[in-house]
């Protein structure tokens, strides 16, 4: 990823988990992040942009939020209201990072 372009995304060996190269911004230098973007049955990502995780502390906070029982309850209610959506086309990734 050292030679990668800003916002370049590379697949890992975990389906739906990608490495993302973040550009420098103001006083922050270029950095890496994890993007979590679920894949459908075809192997294509289900969203244009997934959840970006910039640190282990941020991941802990996201895990806490997502494990709250009310979030699962809310998601089930949303499933009842929203129609099912079609998945996006598969995009090919040239490099897969082993985790």
PDB file of N, CA and C in Angstrom:
ATOM      1  N   UNK A   1       0.825  -1.197   0.000  1.00  0.00           N
ATOM      2  CA  UNK A   1       0.000   0.000   0.000  1.00  0.00           C
ATOM      3  C   UNK A   1       0.870   1.262   0.000  1.00  0.00           C
ATOM      4  N   UNK A   2       2.156   1.097   0.224  1.00  0.00           N
ATOM      5  CA  UNK A   2       3.048   2.247   0.261  1.00  0.00           C
ATOM      6  C   UNK A   2       3.003   3.044  -1.037  1.00  0.00           C
ATOM      7  N   UNK A   3       2.924   2.336  -2.157  1.00  0.00           N
ATOM      8  CA  UNK A   3       2.901   2.996  -3.457  1.00  0.00           C
ATOM      9  C   UNK A   3       1.484   3.203  -3.979  1.00  0.00           C
ATOM     10  N   UNK A   4       0.484   2.870  -3.175  1.00  0.00           N
ATOM     11  CA  UNK A   4      -0.903   3.000  -3.613  1.00  0.00           C
ATOM     12  C   UNK A   4      -1.364   4.443  -3.679  1.00  0.00           C
ATOM     13  N   UNK A   5      -2.443   4.656  -4.394  1.00  0.00           N
ATOM     14  CA  UNK A   5      -3.026   5.987  -4.533  1.00  0.00           C
ATOM     15  C   UNK A   5      -3.907   6.296  -3.331  1.00  0.00           C
ATOM     16  N   UNK A   6      -4.161   7.583  -3.079  1.00  0.00           N
ATOM     17  CA  UNK A   6      -5.084   7.985  -2.024  1.00  0.00           C
ATOM     18  C   UNK A   6      -6.452   7.348  -2.270  1.00  0.00           C
ATOM     19  N   UNK A   7      -7.063   6.870  -1.209  1.00  0.00           N
ATOM     20  CA  UNK A   7      -8.376   6.226  -1.206  1.00  0.00           C
ATOM     21  C   UNK A   7      -8.375   4.866  -1.908  1.00  0.00           C
ATOM     22  N   UNK A   8      -7.187   4.337  -2.236  1.00  0.00           N
ATOM     23  CA  UNK A   8      -7.131   3.014  -2.871  1.00  0.00           C
ATOM     24  C   UNK A   8      -7.522   1.954  -1.854  1.00  0.00           C
ATOM     25  N   UNK A   9      -8.292   0.977  -2.326  1.00  0.00           N
ATOM     26  CA  UNK A   9      -8.798  -0.081  -1.464  1.00  0.00           C
ATOM     27  C   UNK A   9      -8.265  -1.413  -1.964  1.00  0.00           C
ATOM     28  N   UNK A  10      -7.755  -2.235  -1.036  1.00  0.00           N
ATOM     29  CA  UNK A  10      -7.241  -3.562  -1.379  1.00  0.00           C
ATOM     30  C   UNK A  10      -7.969  -4.611  -0.549  1.00  0.00           C
ATOM     31  N   UNK A  11      -8.294  -5.712  -1.193  1.00  0.00           N
ATOM     32  CA  UNK A  11      -8.987  -6.814  -0.520  1.00  0.00           C
ATOM     33  C   UNK A  11      -8.054  -7.529   0.454  1.00  0.00           C
ATOM     34  N   UNK A  12      -8.629  -8.145   1.460  1.00  0.00           N
ATOM     35  CA  UNK A  12      -7.895  -9.023   2.371  1.00  0.00           C
ATOM     36  C   UNK A  12      -8.444 -10.435   2.184  1.00  0.00           C
ATOM     37  N   UNK A  13      -7.911 -11.380   2.927  1.00  0.00           N
ATOM     38  CA  UNK A  13      -8.411 -12.755   2.842  1.00  0.00           C
ATOM     39  C   UNK A  13      -9.725 -12.945   3.598  1.00  0.00           C
ATOM     40  N   UNK A  14     -10.224 -11.892   4.245  1.00  0.00           N
ATOM     41  CA  UNK A  14     -11.518 -11.953   4.925  1.00  0.00           C
ATOM     42  C   UNK A  14     -12.537 -11.250   4.030  1.00  0.00           C
ATOM     43  N   UNK A  15     -13.523 -11.985   3.519  1.00  0.00           N
ATOM     44  CA  UNK A  15     -14.519 -11.356   2.645  1.00  0.00           C
ATOM     45  C   UNK A  15     -15.216 -10.186   3.355  1.00  0.00           C
ATOM     46  N   UNK A  16     -15.237  -9.043   2.700  1.00  0.00           N
ATOM     47  CA  UNK A  16     -15.882  -7.870   3.265  1.00  0.00           C
ATOM     48  C   UNK A  16     -14.962  -6.973   4.073  1.00  0.00           C
ATOM     49  N   UNK A  17     -13.678  -7.344   4.192  1.00  0.00           N
ATOM     50  CA  UNK A  17     -12.706  -6.527   4.933  1.00  0.00           C
ATOM     51  C   UNK A  17     -11.620  -6.085   3.961  1.00  0.00           C
ATOM     52  N   UNK A  18     -11.379  -4.783   3.921  1.00  0.00           N
ATOM     53  CA  UNK A  18     -10.430  -4.197   2.983  1.00  0.00           C
ATOM     54  C   UNK A  18      -9.457  -3.282   3.704  1.00  0.00           C
ATOM     55  N   UNK A  19      -8.268  -3.090   3.127  1.00  0.00           N
ATOM     56  CA  UNK A  19      -7.337  -2.058   3.589  1.00  0.00           C
ATOM     57  C   UNK A  19      -7.581  -0.833   2.729  1.00  0.00           C
ATOM     58  N   UNK A  20      -7.586   0.324   3.365  1.00  0.00           N
ATOM     59  CA  UNK A  20      -7.886   1.570   2.684  1.00  0.00           C
ATOM     60  C   UNK A  20      -6.778   2.573   2.971  1.00  0.00           C
ATOM     61  N   UNK A  21      -6.216   3.166   1.919  1.00  0.00           N
ATOM     62  CA  UNK A  21      -5.164   4.164   2.087  1.00  0.00           C
ATOM     63  C   UNK A  21      -5.816   5.548   2.178  1.00  0.00           C
ATOM     64  N   UNK A  22      -5.672   6.163   3.338  1.00  0.00           N
ATOM     65  CA  UNK A  22      -6.243   7.491   3.558  1.00  0.00           C
ATOM     66  C   UNK A  22      -5.216   8.561   3.205  1.00  0.00           C
ATOM     67  N   UNK A  23      -5.638   9.615   2.538  1.00  0.00           N
ATOM     68  CA  UNK A  23      -4.703  10.678   2.156  1.00  0.00           C
ATOM     69  C   UNK A  23      -4.310  11.539   3.349  1.00  0.00           C
ATOM     70  N   UNK A  24      -3.221  12.278   3.191  1.00  0.00           N
ATOM     71  CA  UNK A  24      -2.843  13.231   4.242  1.00  0.00           C
ATOM     72  C   UNK A  24      -3.869  14.362   4.224  1.00  0.00           C
ATOM     73  N   UNK A  25      -4.092  14.943   5.399  1.00  0.00           N
ATOM     74  CA  UNK A  25      -5.070  16.010   5.525  1.00  0.00           C
ATOM     75  C   UNK A  25      -4.631  16.949   6.627  1.00  0.00           C
ATOM     76  N   UNK A  26      -4.460  18.196   6.291  1.00  0.00           N
ATOM     77  CA  UNK A  26      -3.966  19.207   7.217  1.00  0.00           C
ATOM     78  C   UNK A  26      -2.699  18.710   7.891  1.00  0.00           C
ATOM     79  N   UNK A  27      -2.734  18.438   9.185  1.00  0.00           N
ATOM     80  CA  UNK A  27      -1.525  18.012   9.917  1.00  0.00           C
ATOM     81  C   UNK A  27      -1.386  16.496  10.022  1.00  0.00           C
ATOM     82  N   UNK A  28      -2.355  15.759   9.529  1.00  0.00           N
ATOM     83  CA  UNK A  28      -2.287  14.298   9.595  1.00  0.00           C
ATOM     84  C   UNK A  28      -1.622  13.755   8.342  1.00  0.00           C
ATOM     85  N   UNK A  29      -0.697  12.822   8.539  1.00  0.00           N
ATOM     86  CA  UNK A  29      -0.010  12.219   7.391  1.00  0.00           C
ATOM     87  C   UNK A  29      -0.859  11.081   6.816  1.00  0.00           C
ATOM     88  N   UNK A  30      -0.448  10.574   5.674  1.00  0.00           N
ATOM     89  CA  UNK A  30      -1.115   9.450   5.030  1.00  0.00           C
ATOM     90  C   UNK A  30      -1.169   8.281   6.013  1.00  0.00           C
ATOM     91  N   UNK A  31      -2.293   7.568   6.031  1.00  0.00           N
ATOM     92  CA  UNK A  31      -2.423   6.447   6.959  1.00  0.00           C
ATOM     93  C   UNK A  31      -3.273   5.345   6.337  1.00  0.00           C
ATOM     94  N   UNK A  32      -3.306   4.214   7.014  1.00  0.00           N
ATOM     95  CA  UNK A  32      -4.125   3.078   6.595  1.00  0.00           C
ATOM     96  C   UNK A  32      -5.310   2.935   7.518  1.00  0.00           C
ATOM     97  N   UNK A  33      -6.389   2.400   6.983  1.00  0.00           N
ATOM     98  CA  UNK A  33      -7.581   2.117   7.767  1.00  0.00           C
ATOM     99  C   UNK A  33      -8.164   0.794   7.280  1.00  0.00           C
ATOM    100  N   UNK A  34      -9.095   0.288   8.043  1.00  0.00           N
ATOM    101  CA  UNK A  34      -9.838  -0.916   7.676  1.00  0.00           C
ATOM    102  C   UNK A  34     -11.198  -0.444   7.174  1.00  0.00           C
ATOM    103  N   UNK A  35     -11.631  -1.007   6.074  1.00  0.00           N
ATOM    104  CA  UNK A  35     -13.006  -0.749   5.636  1.00  0.00           C
ATOM    105  C   UNK A  35     -13.767  -2.061   5.719  1.00  0.00           C
ATOM    106  N   UNK A  36     -14.889  -2.042   6.417  1.00  0.00           N
ATOM    107  CA  UNK A  36     -15.748  -3.216   6.538  1.00  0.00           C
ATOM    108  C   UNK A  36     -16.964  -2.948   5.663  1.00  0.00           C
ATOM    109  N   UNK A  37     -17.120  -3.782   4.649  1.00  0.00           N
ATOM    110  CA  UNK A  37     -18.209  -3.618   3.688  1.00  0.00           C
ATOM    111  C   UNK A  37     -18.689  -5.010   3.310  1.00  0.00           C
ATOM    112  N   UNK A  38     -19.820  -5.442   3.856  1.00  0.00           N
ATOM    113  CA  UNK A  38     -20.297  -6.805   3.607  1.00  0.00           C
ATOM    114  C   UNK A  38     -20.399  -7.126   2.122  1.00  0.00           C
ATOM    115  N   UNK A  39     -20.145  -8.394   1.794  1.00  0.00           N
ATOM    116  CA  UNK A  39     -20.278  -8.856   0.416  1.00  0.00           C
ATOM    117  C   UNK A  39     -21.510  -9.742   0.297  1.00  0.00           C
ATOM    118  N   UNK A  40     -22.123  -9.710  -0.861  1.00  0.00           N
ATOM    119  CA  UNK A  40     -23.292 -10.534  -1.128  1.00  0.00           C
ATOM    120  C   UNK A  40     -22.909 -11.917  -1.602  1.00  0.00           C
ATOM    121  N   UNK A  41     -23.891 -12.679  -2.030  1.00  0.00           N
ATOM    122  CA  UNK A  41     -23.679 -14.053  -2.501  1.00  0.00           C
ATOM    123  C   UNK A  41     -22.747 -14.092  -3.714  1.00  0.00           C
ATOM    124  N   UNK A  42     -22.764 -13.033  -4.519  1.00  0.00           N
ATOM    125  CA  UNK A  42     -21.919 -12.998  -5.717  1.00  0.00           C
ATOM    126  C   UNK A  42     -20.473 -12.608  -5.403  1.00  0.00           C
ATOM    127  N   UNK A  43     -20.220 -12.184  -4.163  1.00  0.00           N
ATOM    128  CA  UNK A  43     -18.877 -11.758  -3.778  1.00  0.00           C
ATOM    129  C   UNK A  43     -18.656 -10.268  -3.927  1.00  0.00           C
ATOM    130  N   UNK A  44     -19.654  -9.556  -4.402  1.00  0.00           N
ATOM    131  CA  UNK A  44     -19.556  -8.104  -4.574  1.00  0.00           C
ATOM    132  C   UNK A  44     -19.913  -7.390  -3.273  1.00  0.00           C
ATOM    133  N   UNK A  45     -19.279  -6.242  -3.056  1.00  0.00           N
ATOM    134  CA  UNK A  45     -19.625  -5.448  -1.875  1.00  0.00           C
ATOM    135  C   UNK A  45     -21.060  -4.970  -1.994  1.00  0.00           C
ATOM    136  N   UNK A  46     -21.720  -4.801  -0.863  1.00  0.00           N
ATOM    137  CA  UNK A  46     -23.129  -4.431  -0.876  1.00  0.00           C
ATOM    138  C   UNK A  46     -23.351  -2.919  -0.773  1.00  0.00           C
ATOM    139  N   UNK A  47     -22.295  -2.176  -0.486  1.00  0.00           N
ATOM    140  CA  UNK A  47     -22.412  -0.725  -0.361  1.00  0.00           C
ATOM    141  C   UNK A  47     -21.291  -0.052  -1.138  1.00  0.00           C
ATOM    142  N   UNK A  48     -21.524   1.199  -1.503  1.00  0.00           N
ATOM    143  CA  UNK A  48     -20.479   1.953  -2.196  1.00  0.00           C
ATOM    144  C   UNK A  48     -19.308   2.189  -1.243  1.00  0.00           C
ATOM    145  N   UNK A  49     -19.588   2.537  -0.009  1.00  0.00           N
ATOM    146  CA  UNK A  49     -18.553   2.757   1.009  1.00  0.00           C
ATOM    147  C   UNK A  49     -19.003   2.060   2.291  1.00  0.00           C
ATOM    148  N   UNK A  50     -18.103   1.324   2.915  1.00  0.00           N
ATOM    149  CA  UNK A  50     -18.420   0.613   4.140  1.00  0.00           C
ATOM    150  C   UNK A  50     -18.061   1.444   5.364  1.00  0.00           C
ATOM    151  N   UNK A  51     -17.954   0.765   6.484  1.00  0.00           N
ATOM    152  CA  UNK A  51     -17.566   1.401   7.742  1.00  0.00           C
ATOM    153  C   UNK A  51     -16.043   1.467   7.781  1.00  0.00           C
ATOM    154  N   UNK A  52     -15.508   2.667   7.984  1.00  0.00           N
ATOM    155  CA  UNK A  52     -14.061   2.865   8.025  1.00  0.00           C
ATOM    156  C   UNK A  52     -13.612   2.893   9.482  1.00  0.00           C
ATOM    157  N   UNK A  53     -12.625   2.037   9.795  1.00  0.00           N
ATOM    158  CA  UNK A  53     -12.091   1.932  11.155  1.00  0.00           C
ATOM    159  C   UNK A  53     -10.643   2.391  11.119  1.00  0.00           C
ATOM    160  N   UNK A  54     -10.330   3.414  11.908  1.00  0.00           N
ATOM    161  CA  UNK A  54      -8.998   4.011  11.868  1.00  0.00           C
ATOM    162  C   UNK A  54      -8.077   3.565  13.003  1.00  0.00           C
ATOM    163  N   UNK A  55      -8.626   2.900  14.023  1.00  0.00           N
ATOM    164  CA  UNK A  55      -7.786   2.478  15.151  1.00  0.00           C
ATOM    165  C   UNK A  55      -8.461   1.348  15.917  1.00  0.00           C
ATOM    166  N   UNK A  56      -7.695   0.695  16.779  1.00  0.00           N
ATOM    167  CA  UNK A  56      -8.272  -0.380  17.597  1.00  0.00           C
ATOM    168  C   UNK A  56      -9.275   0.185  18.604  1.00  0.00           C
ATOM    169  N   UNK A  57      -9.033   1.377  19.103  1.00  0.00           N
ATOM    170  CA  UNK A  57      -9.972   2.032  20.035  1.00  0.00           C
ATOM    171  C   UNK A  57     -11.306   2.298  19.334  1.00  0.00           C
ATOM    172  N   UNK A  58     -11.230   2.782  18.110  1.00  0.00           N
ATOM    173  CA  UNK A  58     -12.443   3.039  17.343  1.00  0.00           C
ATOM    174  C   UNK A  58     -13.198   1.734  17.080  1.00  0.00           C
ATOM    175  N   UNK A  59     -12.469   0.654  16.788  1.00  0.00           N
ATOM    176  CA  UNK A  59     -13.101  -0.651  16.582  1.00  0.00           C
ATOM    177  C   UNK A  59     -13.816  -1.116  17.846  1.00  0.00           C
ATOM    178  N   UNK A  60     -13.202  -0.928  18.996  1.00  0.00           N
ATOM    179  CA  UNK A  60     -13.843  -1.290  20.271  1.00  0.00           C
ATOM    180  C   UNK A  60     -15.169  -0.563  20.446  1.00  0.00           C
ATOM    181  N   UNK A  61     -15.173   0.724  20.149  1.00  0.00           N
ATOM    182  CA  UNK A  61     -16.395   1.523  20.294  1.00  0.00           C
ATOM    183  C   UNK A  61     -17.475   1.060  19.314  1.00  0.00           C
ATOM    184  N   UNK A  62     -17.074   0.774  18.082  1.00  0.00           N
ATOM    185  CA  UNK A  62     -18.033   0.292  17.087  1.00  0.00           C
ATOM    186  C   UNK A  62     -18.596  -1.061  17.508  1.00  0.00           C
ATOM    187  N   UNK A  63     -17.727  -1.952  18.006  1.00  0.00           N
ATOM    188  CA  UNK A  63     -18.188  -3.265  18.491  1.00  0.00           C
ATOM    189  C   UNK A  63     -19.199  -3.116  19.612  1.00  0.00           C
ATOM    190  N   UNK A  64     -18.933  -2.195  20.542  1.00  0.00           N
ATOM    191  CA  UNK A  64     -19.866  -1.950  21.649  1.00  0.00           C
ATOM    192  C   UNK A  64     -21.226  -1.511  21.122  1.00  0.00           C
ATOM    193  N   UNK A  65     -21.196  -0.581  20.185  1.00  0.00           N
ATOM    194  CA  UNK A  65     -22.451  -0.081  19.619  1.00  0.00           C
ATOM    195  C   UNK A  65     -23.216  -1.175  18.884  1.00  0.00           C
ATOM    196  N   UNK A  66     -22.504  -1.936  18.040  1.00  0.00           N
ATOM    197  CA  UNK A  66     -23.170  -2.954  17.239  1.00  0.00           C
ATOM    198  C   UNK A  66     -23.656  -4.147  18.056  1.00  0.00           C
ATOM    199  N   UNK A  67     -23.062  -4.383  19.209  1.00  0.00           N
ATOM    200  CA  UNK A  67     -23.485  -5.518  20.031  1.00  0.00           C
ATOM    201  C   UNK A  67     -24.648  -5.166  20.963  1.00  0.00           C
ATOM    202  N   UNK A  68     -25.064  -3.919  20.965  1.00  0.00           N
ATOM    203  CA  UNK A  68     -26.206  -3.508  21.793  1.00  0.00           C
ATOM    204  C   UNK A  68     -27.461  -4.213  21.275  1.00  0.00           C
ATOM    205  N   UNK A  69     -28.221  -4.887  22.152  1.00  0.00           N
ATOM    206  CA  UNK A  69     -29.392  -5.656  21.702  1.00  0.00           C
ATOM    207  C   UNK A  69     -30.446  -4.808  20.982  1.00  0.00           C
ATOM    208  N   UNK A  70     -30.544  -3.560  21.318  1.00  0.00           N
ATOM    209  CA  UNK A  70     -31.541  -2.689  20.680  1.00  0.00           C
ATOM    210  C   UNK A  70     -31.209  -2.439  19.206  1.00  0.00           C
ATOM    211  N   UNK A  71     -29.918  -2.482  18.849  1.00  0.00           N
ATOM    212  CA  UNK A  71     -29.528  -2.289  17.452  1.00  0.00           C
ATOM    213  C   UNK A  71     -30.037  -3.461  16.610  1.00  0.00           C
ATOM    214  N   UNK A  72     -29.887  -4.688  17.106  1.00  0.00           N
ATOM    215  CA  UNK A  72     -30.382  -5.869  16.387  1.00  0.00           C
ATOM    216  C   UNK A  72     -31.901  -5.800  16.253  1.00  0.00           C
ATOM    217  N   UNK A  73     -32.556  -5.365  17.291  1.00  0.00           N
ATOM    218  CA  UNK A  73     -34.011  -5.217  17.275  1.00  0.00           C
ATOM    219  C   UNK A  73     -34.423  -4.177  16.219  1.00  0.00           C
ATOM    220  N   UNK A  74     -33.723  -3.057  16.198  1.00  0.00           N
ATOM    221  CA  UNK A  74     -34.006  -2.003  15.227  1.00  0.00           C
ATOM    222  C   UNK A  74     -33.776  -2.490  13.796  1.00  0.00           C
ATOM    223  N   UNK A  75     -32.714  -3.253  13.567  1.00  0.00           N
ATOM    224  CA  UNK A  75     -32.420  -3.776  12.235  1.00  0.00           C
ATOM    225  C   UNK A  75     -33.534  -4.715  11.754  1.00  0.00           C
ATOM    226  N   UNK A  76     -34.064  -5.533  12.650  1.00  0.00           N
ATOM    227  CA  UNK A  76     -35.161  -6.438  12.283  1.00  0.00           C
ATOM    228  C   UNK A  76     -36.413  -5.644  11.909  1.00  0.00           C
ATOM    229  N   UNK A  77     -36.674  -4.564  12.628  1.00  0.00           N
ATOM    230  CA  UNK A  77     -37.822  -3.715  12.289  1.00  0.00           C
ATOM    231  C   UNK A  77     -37.622  -3.046  10.934  1.00  0.00           C
ATOM    232  N   UNK A  78     -36.408  -2.620  10.661  1.00  0.00           N
ATOM    233  CA  UNK A  78     -36.100  -2.006   9.365  1.00  0.00           C
ATOM    234  C   UNK A  78     -36.286  -3.030   8.242  1.00  0.00           C
ATOM    235  N   UNK A  79     -35.881  -4.294   8.478  1.00  0.00           N
ATOM    236  CA  UNK A  79     -36.075  -5.359   7.491  1.00  0.00           C
ATOM    237  C   UNK A  79     -37.547  -5.496   7.115  1.00  0.00           C
ATOM    238  N   UNK A  80     -38.430  -5.317   8.081  1.00  0.00           N
ATOM    239  CA  UNK A  80     -39.865  -5.454   7.828  1.00  0.00           C
ATOM    240  C   UNK A  80     -40.409  -4.299   6.985  1.00  0.00           C
ATOM    241  N   UNK A  81     -39.776  -3.149   7.083  1.00  0.00           N
ATOM    242  CA  UNK A  81     -40.252  -1.953   6.387  1.00  0.00           C
ATOM    243  C   UNK A  81     -39.635  -1.793   5.005  1.00  0.00           C
ATOM    244  N   UNK A  82     -38.319  -2.001   4.898  1.00  0.00           N
ATOM    245  CA  UNK A  82     -37.608  -1.759   3.644  1.00  0.00           C
ATOM    246  C   UNK A  82     -37.711  -2.937   2.686  1.00  0.00           C
ATOM    247  N   UNK A  83     -37.835  -2.645   1.380  1.00  0.00           N
ATOM    248  CA  UNK A  83     -37.793  -3.732   0.391  1.00  0.00           C
ATOM    249  C   UNK A  83     -36.364  -4.245   0.247  1.00  0.00           C
ATOM    250  N   UNK A  84     -36.212  -5.493  -0.162  1.00  0.00           N
ATOM    251  CA  UNK A  84     -34.873  -6.054  -0.368  1.00  0.00           C
ATOM    252  C   UNK A  84     -34.246  -5.402  -1.587  1.00  0.00           C
ATOM    253  N   UNK A  85     -32.930  -5.138  -1.513  1.00  0.00           N
ATOM    254  CA  UNK A  85     -32.218  -4.457  -2.598  1.00  0.00           C
ATOM    255  C   UNK A  85     -31.324  -5.434  -3.345  1.00  0.00           C
ATOM    256  N   UNK A  86     -31.097  -5.160  -4.616  1.00  0.00           N
ATOM    257  CA  UNK A  86     -30.199  -5.978  -5.441  1.00  0.00           C
ATOM    258  C   UNK A  86     -28.761  -5.615  -5.123  1.00  0.00           C
ATOM    259  N   UNK A  87     -27.840  -6.581  -5.228  1.00  0.00           N
ATOM    260  CA  UNK A  87     -26.417  -6.339  -4.961  1.00  0.00           C
ATOM    261  C   UNK A  87     -25.728  -5.711  -6.157  1.00  0.00           C
ATOM    262  N   UNK A  88     -24.625  -5.017  -5.895  1.00  0.00           N
ATOM    263  CA  UNK A  88     -23.819  -4.389  -6.954  1.00  0.00           C
ATOM    264  C   UNK A  88     -23.007  -5.449  -7.685  1.00  0.00           C
ATOM    265  N   UNK A  89     -22.457  -5.081  -8.827  1.00  0.00           N
ATOM    266  CA  UNK A  89     -21.603  -5.987  -9.598  1.00  0.00           C
ATOM    267  C   UNK A  89     -20.291  -6.244  -8.867  1.00  0.00           C
ATOM    268  N   UNK A  90     -19.669  -7.369  -9.183  1.00  0.00           N
ATOM    269  CA  UNK A  90     -18.385  -7.736  -8.586  1.00  0.00           C
ATOM    270  C   UNK A  90     -17.289  -6.867  -9.179  1.00  0.00           C
ATOM    271  N   UNK A  91     -16.458  -6.288  -8.289  1.00  0.00           N
ATOM    272  CA  UNK A  91     -15.290  -5.549  -8.784  1.00  0.00           C
ATOM    273  C   UNK A  91     -14.061  -6.387  -8.486  1.00  0.00           C
ATOM    274  N   UNK A  92     -13.162  -6.489  -9.454  1.00  0.00           N
ATOM    275  CA  UNK A  92     -11.989  -7.343  -9.273  1.00  0.00           C
ATOM    276  C   UNK A  92     -10.908  -6.600  -8.507  1.00  0.00           C
ATOM    277  N   UNK A  93     -10.303  -7.277  -7.559  1.00  0.00           N
ATOM    278  CA  UNK A  93      -9.202  -6.746  -6.769  1.00  0.00           C
ATOM    279  C   UNK A  93      -7.948  -7.520  -7.146  1.00  0.00           C
ATOM    280  N   UNK A  94      -6.870  -6.834  -7.457  1.00  0.00           N
ATOM    281  CA  UNK A  94      -5.671  -7.512  -7.925  1.00  0.00           C
ATOM    282  C   UNK A  94      -4.830  -8.085  -6.784  1.00  0.00           C
ATOM    283  N   UNK A  95      -4.790  -7.414  -5.637  1.00  0.00           N
ATOM    284  CA  UNK A  95      -3.968  -7.853  -4.527  1.00  0.00           C
ATOM    285  C   UNK A  95      -4.853  -8.207  -3.357  1.00  0.00           C
ATOM    286  N   UNK A  96      -4.602  -9.360  -2.746  1.00  0.00           N
ATOM    287  CA  UNK A  96      -5.339  -9.769  -1.555  1.00  0.00           C
ATOM    288  C   UNK A  96      -4.343  -9.832  -0.408  1.00  0.00           C
ATOM    289  N   UNK A  97      -4.620  -9.080   0.670  1.00  0.00           N
ATOM    290  CA  UNK A  97      -3.737  -9.082   1.842  1.00  0.00           C
ATOM    291  C   UNK A  97      -4.175 -10.159   2.814  1.00  0.00           C
ATOM    292  N   UNK A  98      -3.246 -11.009   3.195  1.00  0.00           N
ATOM    293  CA  UNK A  98      -3.493 -12.089   4.146  1.00  0.00           C
ATOM    294  C   UNK A  98      -3.460 -11.511   5.555  1.00  0.00           C
ATOM    295  N   UNK A  99      -4.504 -11.795   6.330  1.00  0.00           N
ATOM    296  CA  UNK A  99      -4.571 -11.281   7.715  1.00  0.00           C
ATOM    297  C   UNK A  99      -4.334 -12.430   8.677  1.00  0.00           C
TER     298      UNK A  99
END
